């Protein structure tokens, strides 16, 4: 019960941070930090997959509603949540605890960096591909993906390092 209350509080914090602050940051006209993906990265190893997908869709839909991005955040975050357990199993030993929560202090700095980088990159690729809906302006798309990936990854890594 305490974990779910904490998860609801994190949900609200990430939505408010994204909508009120981070959506107004556009470095070089295209790089926007998408920190709400960190909410999905934090889910533990044994969390039910259907619940993870539901949380991801709810987070994405809430961000979509307040950011005027119809369906892009919800589709991207749901895809990220779908692959989360599979990528986590690549970076965690089989002998590790079932309730292991991904982080720098549990996975180690290098494994967490790879795990977070893969999920953030997939999220950014999906998000900006849906936003552009074509590859006619490939350099702008690539700039948005690369810039947003770097900003989101750095913020995620710094926040996770400060977390415990």
N, C-alpha and C. Protein backbone atom coordinates (compact mmCIF):
# COMPACT_ATOMS: atom_id res chain seq x y z
N UNK A 1 0.82 -1.19 0.00
CA UNK A 1 0.00 0.00 0.00
C UNK A 1 0.87 1.26 0.00
N UNK A 2 1.93 1.24 0.80
CA UNK A 2 2.83 2.39 0.85
C UNK A 2 3.51 2.60 -0.50
N UNK A 3 3.87 1.49 -1.17
CA UNK A 3 4.51 1.61 -2.48
C UNK A 3 3.59 2.24 -3.51
N UNK A 4 2.32 1.90 -3.46
CA UNK A 4 1.38 2.47 -4.43
C UNK A 4 1.14 3.96 -4.16
N UNK A 5 1.11 4.36 -2.91
CA UNK A 5 0.96 5.78 -2.59
C UNK A 5 2.19 6.55 -3.06
N UNK A 6 3.36 5.96 -2.85
CA UNK A 6 4.60 6.57 -3.33
C UNK A 6 4.61 6.66 -4.85
N UNK A 7 4.09 5.62 -5.50
CA UNK A 7 4.05 5.61 -6.97
C UNK A 7 3.09 6.68 -7.49
N UNK A 8 1.96 6.87 -6.83
CA UNK A 8 1.01 7.92 -7.23
C UNK A 8 1.64 9.30 -7.05
N UNK A 9 2.37 9.48 -5.95
CA UNK A 9 3.04 10.76 -5.71
C UNK A 9 4.11 11.02 -6.78
N UNK A 10 4.88 9.98 -7.14
CA UNK A 10 5.88 10.12 -8.21
C UNK A 10 5.21 10.44 -9.55
N UNK A 11 4.08 9.80 -9.80
CA UNK A 11 3.31 10.06 -11.01
C UNK A 11 2.97 11.54 -11.11
N UNK A 12 2.45 12.09 -10.03
CA UNK A 12 2.06 13.50 -10.02
C UNK A 12 3.28 14.42 -10.16
N UNK A 13 4.37 14.08 -9.50
CA UNK A 13 5.58 14.90 -9.58
C UNK A 13 6.12 14.92 -11.01
N UNK A 14 6.19 13.76 -11.64
CA UNK A 14 6.71 13.70 -13.01
C UNK A 14 5.80 14.41 -14.00
N UNK A 15 4.50 14.27 -13.84
CA UNK A 15 3.57 14.96 -14.74
C UNK A 15 3.70 16.47 -14.57
N UNK A 16 3.70 16.94 -13.32
CA UNK A 16 3.82 18.38 -13.09
C UNK A 16 5.15 18.93 -13.58
N UNK A 17 6.24 18.21 -13.34
CA UNK A 17 7.55 18.67 -13.81
C UNK A 17 7.59 18.74 -15.33
N UNK A 18 7.03 17.73 -15.99
CA UNK A 18 7.05 17.71 -17.45
C UNK A 18 6.18 18.81 -18.03
N UNK A 19 4.97 18.94 -17.53
CA UNK A 19 4.02 19.87 -18.11
C UNK A 19 4.36 21.33 -17.78
N UNK A 20 4.74 21.60 -16.54
CA UNK A 20 4.95 22.98 -16.13
C UNK A 20 6.35 23.51 -16.42
N UNK A 21 7.35 22.64 -16.45
CA UNK A 21 8.73 23.12 -16.61
C UNK A 21 9.38 22.58 -17.89
N UNK A 22 9.47 21.28 -18.02
CA UNK A 22 10.29 20.68 -19.06
C UNK A 22 9.74 20.86 -20.47
N UNK A 23 8.44 20.96 -20.62
CA UNK A 23 7.87 21.18 -21.96
C UNK A 23 8.22 22.55 -22.53
N UNK A 24 8.66 23.46 -21.67
CA UNK A 24 9.01 24.80 -22.13
C UNK A 24 10.49 24.95 -22.43
N UNK A 25 11.24 23.86 -22.33
CA UNK A 25 12.66 23.86 -22.65
C UNK A 25 12.83 23.28 -24.05
N UNK A 26 13.35 24.08 -24.95
CA UNK A 26 13.61 23.63 -26.32
C UNK A 26 15.00 24.11 -26.71
N UNK A 27 16.01 23.34 -26.38
CA UNK A 27 17.37 23.72 -26.73
C UNK A 27 17.57 23.57 -28.24
N UNK A 28 18.09 24.59 -28.86
CA UNK A 28 18.35 24.62 -30.30
C UNK A 28 17.08 24.39 -31.12
N UNK A 29 15.93 24.65 -30.52
CA UNK A 29 14.67 24.53 -31.24
C UNK A 29 14.13 23.12 -31.36
N UNK A 30 14.82 22.12 -30.81
CA UNK A 30 14.32 20.76 -31.00
C UNK A 30 14.53 19.84 -29.81
N UNK A 31 15.49 20.08 -28.95
CA UNK A 31 15.80 19.16 -27.85
C UNK A 31 14.97 19.51 -26.62
N UNK A 32 14.07 18.61 -26.26
CA UNK A 32 13.21 18.77 -25.10
C UNK A 32 13.41 17.57 -24.18
N UNK A 33 13.69 17.78 -22.90
CA UNK A 33 13.83 16.64 -21.99
C UNK A 33 12.49 15.96 -21.75
N UNK A 34 12.45 14.66 -21.87
CA UNK A 34 11.23 13.86 -21.66
C UNK A 34 11.43 13.02 -20.39
N UNK A 35 11.48 13.68 -19.27
CA UNK A 35 11.86 13.04 -18.01
C UNK A 35 10.83 12.03 -17.51
N UNK A 36 9.59 12.11 -17.97
CA UNK A 36 8.56 11.21 -17.47
C UNK A 36 8.85 9.74 -17.80
N UNK A 37 9.76 9.47 -18.73
CA UNK A 37 10.13 8.08 -19.03
C UNK A 37 10.86 7.46 -17.83
N UNK A 38 11.48 8.28 -16.99
CA UNK A 38 12.15 7.78 -15.79
C UNK A 38 11.16 7.11 -14.84
N UNK A 39 9.91 7.53 -14.86
CA UNK A 39 8.87 6.89 -14.05
C UNK A 39 8.75 5.41 -14.39
N UNK A 40 8.85 5.07 -15.67
CA UNK A 40 8.76 3.68 -16.10
C UNK A 40 10.04 2.93 -15.79
N UNK A 41 11.17 3.59 -15.91
CA UNK A 41 12.46 2.95 -15.61
C UNK A 41 12.51 2.49 -14.16
N UNK A 42 11.84 3.20 -13.26
CA UNK A 42 11.90 2.89 -11.82
C UNK A 42 11.09 1.67 -11.39
N UNK A 43 10.29 1.10 -12.26
CA UNK A 43 9.45 -0.01 -11.84
C UNK A 43 10.29 -1.25 -11.51
N UNK A 44 9.92 -1.95 -10.43
CA UNK A 44 10.72 -3.11 -10.00
C UNK A 44 10.58 -4.30 -10.94
N UNK A 45 11.43 -5.26 -10.71
CA UNK A 45 11.53 -6.44 -11.57
C UNK A 45 10.26 -7.29 -11.57
N UNK A 46 9.65 -7.48 -10.44
CA UNK A 46 8.51 -8.41 -10.35
C UNK A 46 7.16 -7.73 -10.54
N UNK A 47 7.13 -6.49 -10.96
CA UNK A 47 5.86 -5.78 -11.11
C UNK A 47 5.07 -6.40 -12.26
N UNK A 48 3.78 -6.53 -12.07
CA UNK A 48 2.92 -7.15 -13.08
C UNK A 48 2.99 -6.36 -14.40
N UNK A 49 3.13 -7.09 -15.48
CA UNK A 49 3.29 -6.42 -16.79
C UNK A 49 2.05 -5.65 -17.19
N UNK A 50 0.89 -6.19 -16.91
CA UNK A 50 -0.34 -5.48 -17.27
C UNK A 50 -0.45 -4.17 -16.48
N UNK A 51 -0.02 -4.18 -15.22
CA UNK A 51 -0.07 -2.97 -14.40
C UNK A 51 0.96 -1.95 -14.88
N UNK A 52 2.12 -2.42 -15.29
CA UNK A 52 3.15 -1.54 -15.83
C UNK A 52 2.65 -0.85 -17.10
N UNK A 53 2.00 -1.62 -17.97
CA UNK A 53 1.44 -1.03 -19.19
C UNK A 53 0.33 -0.03 -18.88
N UNK A 54 -0.48 -0.33 -17.88
CA UNK A 54 -1.55 0.58 -17.48
C UNK A 54 -0.99 1.88 -16.92
N UNK A 55 0.03 1.78 -16.06
CA UNK A 55 0.68 2.98 -15.52
C UNK A 55 1.29 3.81 -16.65
N UNK A 56 1.95 3.15 -17.58
CA UNK A 56 2.60 3.85 -18.69
C UNK A 56 1.57 4.56 -19.57
N UNK A 57 0.49 3.88 -19.87
CA UNK A 57 -0.54 4.50 -20.69
C UNK A 57 -1.17 5.68 -19.97
N UNK A 58 -1.43 5.54 -18.68
CA UNK A 58 -2.01 6.64 -17.90
C UNK A 58 -1.07 7.84 -17.85
N UNK A 59 0.22 7.57 -17.63
CA UNK A 59 1.20 8.65 -17.61
C UNK A 59 1.27 9.33 -18.97
N UNK A 60 1.36 8.55 -20.03
CA UNK A 60 1.43 9.11 -21.37
C UNK A 60 0.19 9.89 -21.74
N UNK A 61 -0.98 9.36 -21.38
CA UNK A 61 -2.22 10.06 -21.69
C UNK A 61 -2.32 11.38 -20.93
N UNK A 62 -1.89 11.38 -19.69
CA UNK A 62 -1.91 12.61 -18.90
C UNK A 62 -0.97 13.65 -19.49
N UNK A 63 0.22 13.23 -19.88
CA UNK A 63 1.16 14.15 -20.51
C UNK A 63 0.61 14.63 -21.85
N UNK A 64 -0.01 13.74 -22.61
CA UNK A 64 -0.61 14.12 -23.89
C UNK A 64 -1.69 15.18 -23.71
N UNK A 65 -2.53 15.01 -22.72
CA UNK A 65 -3.64 15.94 -22.50
C UNK A 65 -3.12 17.34 -22.19
N UNK A 66 -2.12 17.42 -21.33
CA UNK A 66 -1.62 18.73 -20.92
C UNK A 66 -0.56 19.31 -21.85
N UNK A 67 -0.02 18.51 -22.75
CA UNK A 67 1.04 18.99 -23.64
C UNK A 67 0.57 19.17 -25.08
N UNK A 68 -0.66 18.81 -25.36
CA UNK A 68 -1.21 18.91 -26.71
C UNK A 68 -0.41 18.09 -27.71
N UNK A 69 -0.10 16.87 -27.31
CA UNK A 69 0.59 15.92 -28.19
C UNK A 69 -0.31 14.69 -28.31
N UNK A 70 -1.28 14.72 -29.21
CA UNK A 70 -2.32 13.69 -29.24
C UNK A 70 -1.80 12.28 -29.49
N UNK A 71 -1.65 11.52 -28.43
CA UNK A 71 -1.30 10.11 -28.52
C UNK A 71 0.17 9.79 -28.63
N UNK A 72 1.01 10.77 -28.81
CA UNK A 72 2.44 10.50 -29.02
C UNK A 72 3.11 10.01 -27.74
N UNK A 73 2.87 10.68 -26.64
CA UNK A 73 3.50 10.27 -25.37
C UNK A 73 2.93 8.95 -24.89
N UNK A 74 1.63 8.76 -25.03
CA UNK A 74 1.04 7.51 -24.54
C UNK A 74 1.50 6.31 -25.37
N UNK A 75 1.60 6.46 -26.67
CA UNK A 75 2.08 5.35 -27.51
C UNK A 75 3.55 5.05 -27.23
N UNK A 76 4.36 6.08 -27.13
CA UNK A 76 5.79 5.90 -26.90
C UNK A 76 6.06 5.29 -25.53
N UNK A 77 5.37 5.79 -24.51
CA UNK A 77 5.59 5.30 -23.16
C UNK A 77 5.05 3.89 -22.98
N UNK A 78 3.97 3.56 -23.66
CA UNK A 78 3.44 2.20 -23.58
C UNK A 78 4.40 1.22 -24.26
N UNK A 79 4.99 1.61 -25.37
CA UNK A 79 6.01 0.77 -26.00
C UNK A 79 7.22 0.59 -25.09
N UNK A 80 7.64 1.66 -24.44
CA UNK A 80 8.76 1.59 -23.50
C UNK A 80 8.44 0.64 -22.35
N UNK A 81 7.22 0.72 -21.83
CA UNK A 81 6.82 -0.17 -20.74
C UNK A 81 6.71 -1.62 -21.21
N UNK A 82 6.36 -1.81 -22.45
CA UNK A 82 6.25 -3.17 -22.99
C UNK A 82 7.61 -3.87 -23.03
N UNK A 83 8.65 -3.13 -23.37
CA UNK A 83 9.97 -3.75 -23.48
C UNK A 83 10.78 -3.66 -22.20
N UNK A 84 10.31 -2.90 -21.22
CA UNK A 84 11.02 -2.72 -19.95
C UNK A 84 11.42 -4.04 -19.29
N UNK A 85 10.49 -4.99 -19.08
CA UNK A 85 10.88 -6.23 -18.39
C UNK A 85 11.92 -7.05 -19.15
N UNK A 86 11.85 -7.03 -20.47
CA UNK A 86 12.78 -7.81 -21.27
C UNK A 86 14.20 -7.24 -21.20
N UNK A 87 14.31 -5.93 -21.27
CA UNK A 87 15.63 -5.32 -21.16
C UNK A 87 16.16 -5.39 -19.74
N UNK A 88 15.29 -5.32 -18.76
CA UNK A 88 15.75 -5.43 -17.37
C UNK A 88 16.32 -6.82 -17.11
N UNK A 89 15.72 -7.84 -17.71
CA UNK A 89 16.23 -9.20 -17.51
C UNK A 89 17.62 -9.38 -18.14
N UNK A 90 17.97 -8.55 -19.11
CA UNK A 90 19.30 -8.62 -19.71
C UNK A 90 20.38 -8.08 -18.77
N UNK A 91 20.00 -7.15 -17.90
CA UNK A 91 20.97 -6.48 -17.05
C UNK A 91 20.97 -6.97 -15.61
N UNK A 92 20.05 -7.87 -15.25
CA UNK A 92 19.94 -8.35 -13.88
C UNK A 92 20.24 -9.84 -13.85
N UNK A 93 21.00 -10.27 -12.87
CA UNK A 93 21.27 -11.69 -12.69
C UNK A 93 20.01 -12.44 -12.29
N UNK A 94 19.95 -13.70 -12.61
CA UNK A 94 18.78 -14.51 -12.25
C UNK A 94 18.65 -14.68 -10.75
N UNK A 95 19.79 -14.61 -10.04
CA UNK A 95 19.78 -14.79 -8.60
C UNK A 95 19.36 -13.53 -7.85
N UNK A 96 19.21 -12.42 -8.55
CA UNK A 96 18.85 -11.15 -7.90
C UNK A 96 17.44 -11.23 -7.33
N UNK A 97 17.17 -10.38 -6.38
CA UNK A 97 15.86 -10.36 -5.72
C UNK A 97 14.75 -10.06 -6.73
N UNK A 98 13.58 -10.63 -6.47
CA UNK A 98 12.45 -10.42 -7.37
C UNK A 98 11.95 -8.98 -7.34
N UNK A 99 12.11 -8.30 -6.22
CA UNK A 99 11.60 -6.94 -6.11
C UNK A 99 12.70 -5.90 -6.36
N UNK A 100 13.72 -6.26 -7.11
CA UNK A 100 14.83 -5.35 -7.42
C UNK A 100 14.33 -4.16 -8.22
N UNK A 101 14.61 -2.97 -7.72
CA UNK A 101 14.23 -1.76 -8.43
C UNK A 101 15.46 -1.23 -9.16
N UNK A 102 15.37 -1.01 -10.46
CA UNK A 102 16.53 -0.55 -11.22
C UNK A 102 17.03 0.80 -10.72
N UNK A 103 18.32 0.91 -10.60
CA UNK A 103 18.93 2.16 -10.16
C UNK A 103 20.44 2.02 -10.19
N UNK A 104 21.11 3.13 -9.99
CA UNK A 104 22.57 3.12 -9.98
C UNK A 104 23.08 2.28 -8.83
N UNK A 105 22.41 2.35 -7.70
CA UNK A 105 22.89 1.65 -6.50
C UNK A 105 22.56 0.16 -6.51
N UNK A 106 21.61 -0.26 -7.31
CA UNK A 106 21.26 -1.69 -7.37
C UNK A 106 21.90 -2.39 -8.56
N UNK A 107 21.91 -1.74 -9.71
CA UNK A 107 22.48 -2.35 -10.92
C UNK A 107 23.96 -2.02 -11.09
N UNK A 108 24.37 -0.93 -10.54
CA UNK A 108 25.71 -0.42 -10.79
C UNK A 108 25.63 0.68 -11.82
N UNK A 109 26.60 1.58 -11.83
CA UNK A 109 26.51 2.74 -12.72
C UNK A 109 26.53 2.40 -14.21
N UNK A 110 27.31 1.41 -14.61
CA UNK A 110 27.42 1.10 -16.04
C UNK A 110 26.18 0.36 -16.53
N UNK A 111 25.75 -0.65 -15.80
CA UNK A 111 24.55 -1.39 -16.22
C UNK A 111 23.32 -0.50 -16.22
N UNK A 112 23.20 0.35 -15.21
CA UNK A 112 22.05 1.26 -15.19
C UNK A 112 22.12 2.23 -16.36
N UNK A 113 23.31 2.71 -16.68
CA UNK A 113 23.45 3.63 -17.80
C UNK A 113 23.01 2.98 -19.11
N UNK A 114 23.43 1.73 -19.32
CA UNK A 114 23.00 1.02 -20.54
C UNK A 114 21.50 0.77 -20.54
N UNK A 115 20.97 0.32 -19.41
CA UNK A 115 19.54 0.03 -19.31
C UNK A 115 18.71 1.29 -19.56
N UNK A 116 19.06 2.38 -18.89
CA UNK A 116 18.31 3.62 -19.06
C UNK A 116 18.49 4.17 -20.47
N UNK A 117 19.69 4.07 -21.01
CA UNK A 117 19.95 4.61 -22.35
C UNK A 117 19.11 3.89 -23.41
N UNK A 118 19.01 2.59 -23.31
CA UNK A 118 18.23 1.83 -24.29
C UNK A 118 16.75 2.23 -24.22
N UNK A 119 16.20 2.28 -23.02
CA UNK A 119 14.78 2.63 -22.89
C UNK A 119 14.51 4.07 -23.30
N UNK A 120 15.39 4.98 -22.93
CA UNK A 120 15.19 6.39 -23.31
C UNK A 120 15.34 6.56 -24.81
N UNK A 121 16.29 5.89 -25.41
CA UNK A 121 16.47 5.99 -26.86
C UNK A 121 15.26 5.45 -27.62
N UNK A 122 14.75 4.33 -27.19
CA UNK A 122 13.56 3.77 -27.85
C UNK A 122 12.37 4.71 -27.68
N UNK A 123 12.23 5.27 -26.49
CA UNK A 123 11.13 6.21 -26.25
C UNK A 123 11.27 7.44 -27.15
N UNK A 124 12.46 8.02 -27.23
CA UNK A 124 12.67 9.21 -28.06
C UNK A 124 12.48 8.90 -29.55
N UNK A 125 12.98 7.76 -30.00
CA UNK A 125 12.78 7.37 -31.40
C UNK A 125 11.30 7.26 -31.74
N UNK A 126 10.55 6.59 -30.89
CA UNK A 126 9.12 6.42 -31.14
C UNK A 126 8.39 7.76 -31.06
N UNK A 127 8.69 8.55 -30.05
CA UNK A 127 8.00 9.82 -29.84
C UNK A 127 8.21 10.76 -31.03
N UNK A 128 9.45 10.96 -31.44
CA UNK A 128 9.71 11.92 -32.51
C UNK A 128 9.38 11.38 -33.90
N UNK A 129 9.35 10.06 -34.06
CA UNK A 129 8.87 9.49 -35.31
C UNK A 129 7.38 9.72 -35.45
N UNK A 130 6.64 9.55 -34.36
CA UNK A 130 5.21 9.84 -34.40
C UNK A 130 4.95 11.33 -34.59
N UNK A 131 5.81 12.16 -34.01
CA UNK A 131 5.63 13.60 -34.16
C UNK A 131 5.88 14.05 -35.60
N UNK A 132 6.95 13.56 -36.19
CA UNK A 132 7.29 13.97 -37.55
C UNK A 132 6.37 13.30 -38.57
N UNK A 133 6.06 12.05 -38.35
CA UNK A 133 5.20 11.23 -39.21
C UNK A 133 5.72 11.12 -40.64
N UNK A 134 6.96 11.52 -40.83
CA UNK A 134 7.62 11.33 -42.11
C UNK A 134 9.12 11.54 -41.88
N UNK A 135 9.90 11.11 -42.85
CA UNK A 135 11.34 11.29 -42.76
C UNK A 135 11.84 12.28 -43.80
N UNK A 136 10.97 13.21 -44.23
CA UNK A 136 11.36 14.19 -45.23
C UNK A 136 12.42 15.15 -44.69
N UNK A 137 12.30 15.51 -43.43
CA UNK A 137 13.28 16.38 -42.80
C UNK A 137 14.07 15.55 -41.80
N UNK A 138 14.90 14.67 -42.32
CA UNK A 138 15.61 13.70 -41.50
C UNK A 138 16.60 14.31 -40.53
N UNK A 139 17.24 15.40 -40.91
CA UNK A 139 18.21 16.02 -40.01
C UNK A 139 17.52 16.63 -38.79
N UNK A 140 16.38 17.25 -38.99
CA UNK A 140 15.64 17.81 -37.85
C UNK A 140 15.17 16.68 -36.93
N UNK A 141 14.66 15.60 -37.51
CA UNK A 141 14.22 14.44 -36.72
C UNK A 141 15.38 13.87 -35.92
N UNK A 142 16.52 13.70 -36.58
CA UNK A 142 17.70 13.17 -35.90
C UNK A 142 18.18 14.11 -34.80
N UNK A 143 18.13 15.40 -35.04
CA UNK A 143 18.50 16.38 -34.02
C UNK A 143 17.58 16.33 -32.81
N UNK A 144 16.28 16.19 -33.08
CA UNK A 144 15.31 16.10 -31.97
C UNK A 144 15.54 14.83 -31.16
N UNK A 145 15.74 13.72 -31.84
CA UNK A 145 15.96 12.44 -31.14
C UNK A 145 17.25 12.50 -30.33
N UNK A 146 18.34 12.92 -30.95
CA UNK A 146 19.64 12.93 -30.27
C UNK A 146 19.66 13.93 -29.13
N UNK A 147 19.15 15.13 -29.36
CA UNK A 147 19.15 16.15 -28.31
C UNK A 147 18.27 15.79 -27.14
N UNK A 148 17.08 15.32 -27.43
CA UNK A 148 16.16 14.92 -26.35
C UNK A 148 16.68 13.71 -25.59
N UNK A 149 17.30 12.77 -26.33
CA UNK A 149 17.89 11.61 -25.68
C UNK A 149 18.97 12.04 -24.70
N UNK A 150 19.88 12.91 -25.14
CA UNK A 150 20.97 13.34 -24.28
C UNK A 150 20.46 14.10 -23.05
N UNK A 151 19.54 15.03 -23.25
CA UNK A 151 18.99 15.77 -22.12
C UNK A 151 18.28 14.85 -21.13
N UNK A 152 17.46 13.95 -21.65
CA UNK A 152 16.71 13.05 -20.78
C UNK A 152 17.64 12.10 -20.06
N UNK A 153 18.63 11.57 -20.76
CA UNK A 153 19.56 10.63 -20.13
C UNK A 153 20.36 11.30 -19.02
N UNK A 154 20.87 12.49 -19.27
CA UNK A 154 21.64 13.20 -18.25
C UNK A 154 20.77 13.50 -17.03
N UNK A 155 19.56 13.99 -17.25
CA UNK A 155 18.65 14.27 -16.12
C UNK A 155 18.32 13.00 -15.35
N UNK A 156 18.05 11.92 -16.05
CA UNK A 156 17.73 10.65 -15.41
C UNK A 156 18.89 10.15 -14.58
N UNK A 157 20.08 10.20 -15.13
CA UNK A 157 21.27 9.70 -14.43
C UNK A 157 21.57 10.54 -13.19
N UNK A 158 21.45 11.85 -13.32
CA UNK A 158 21.71 12.73 -12.17
C UNK A 158 20.67 12.53 -11.08
N UNK A 159 19.41 12.47 -11.45
CA UNK A 159 18.34 12.29 -10.45
C UNK A 159 18.48 10.93 -9.77
N UNK A 160 18.79 9.89 -10.53
CA UNK A 160 18.93 8.58 -9.91
C UNK A 160 20.15 8.53 -8.99
N UNK A 161 21.19 9.23 -9.33
CA UNK A 161 22.37 9.27 -8.48
C UNK A 161 22.07 10.01 -7.18
N UNK A 162 21.20 11.00 -7.21
CA UNK A 162 20.83 11.75 -6.01
C UNK A 162 19.74 11.07 -5.19
N UNK A 163 19.08 10.08 -5.78
CA UNK A 163 17.91 9.46 -5.16
C UNK A 163 18.24 8.77 -3.84
N UNK A 164 19.31 8.05 -3.73
CA UNK A 164 19.60 7.34 -2.48
C UNK A 164 20.96 7.70 -1.96
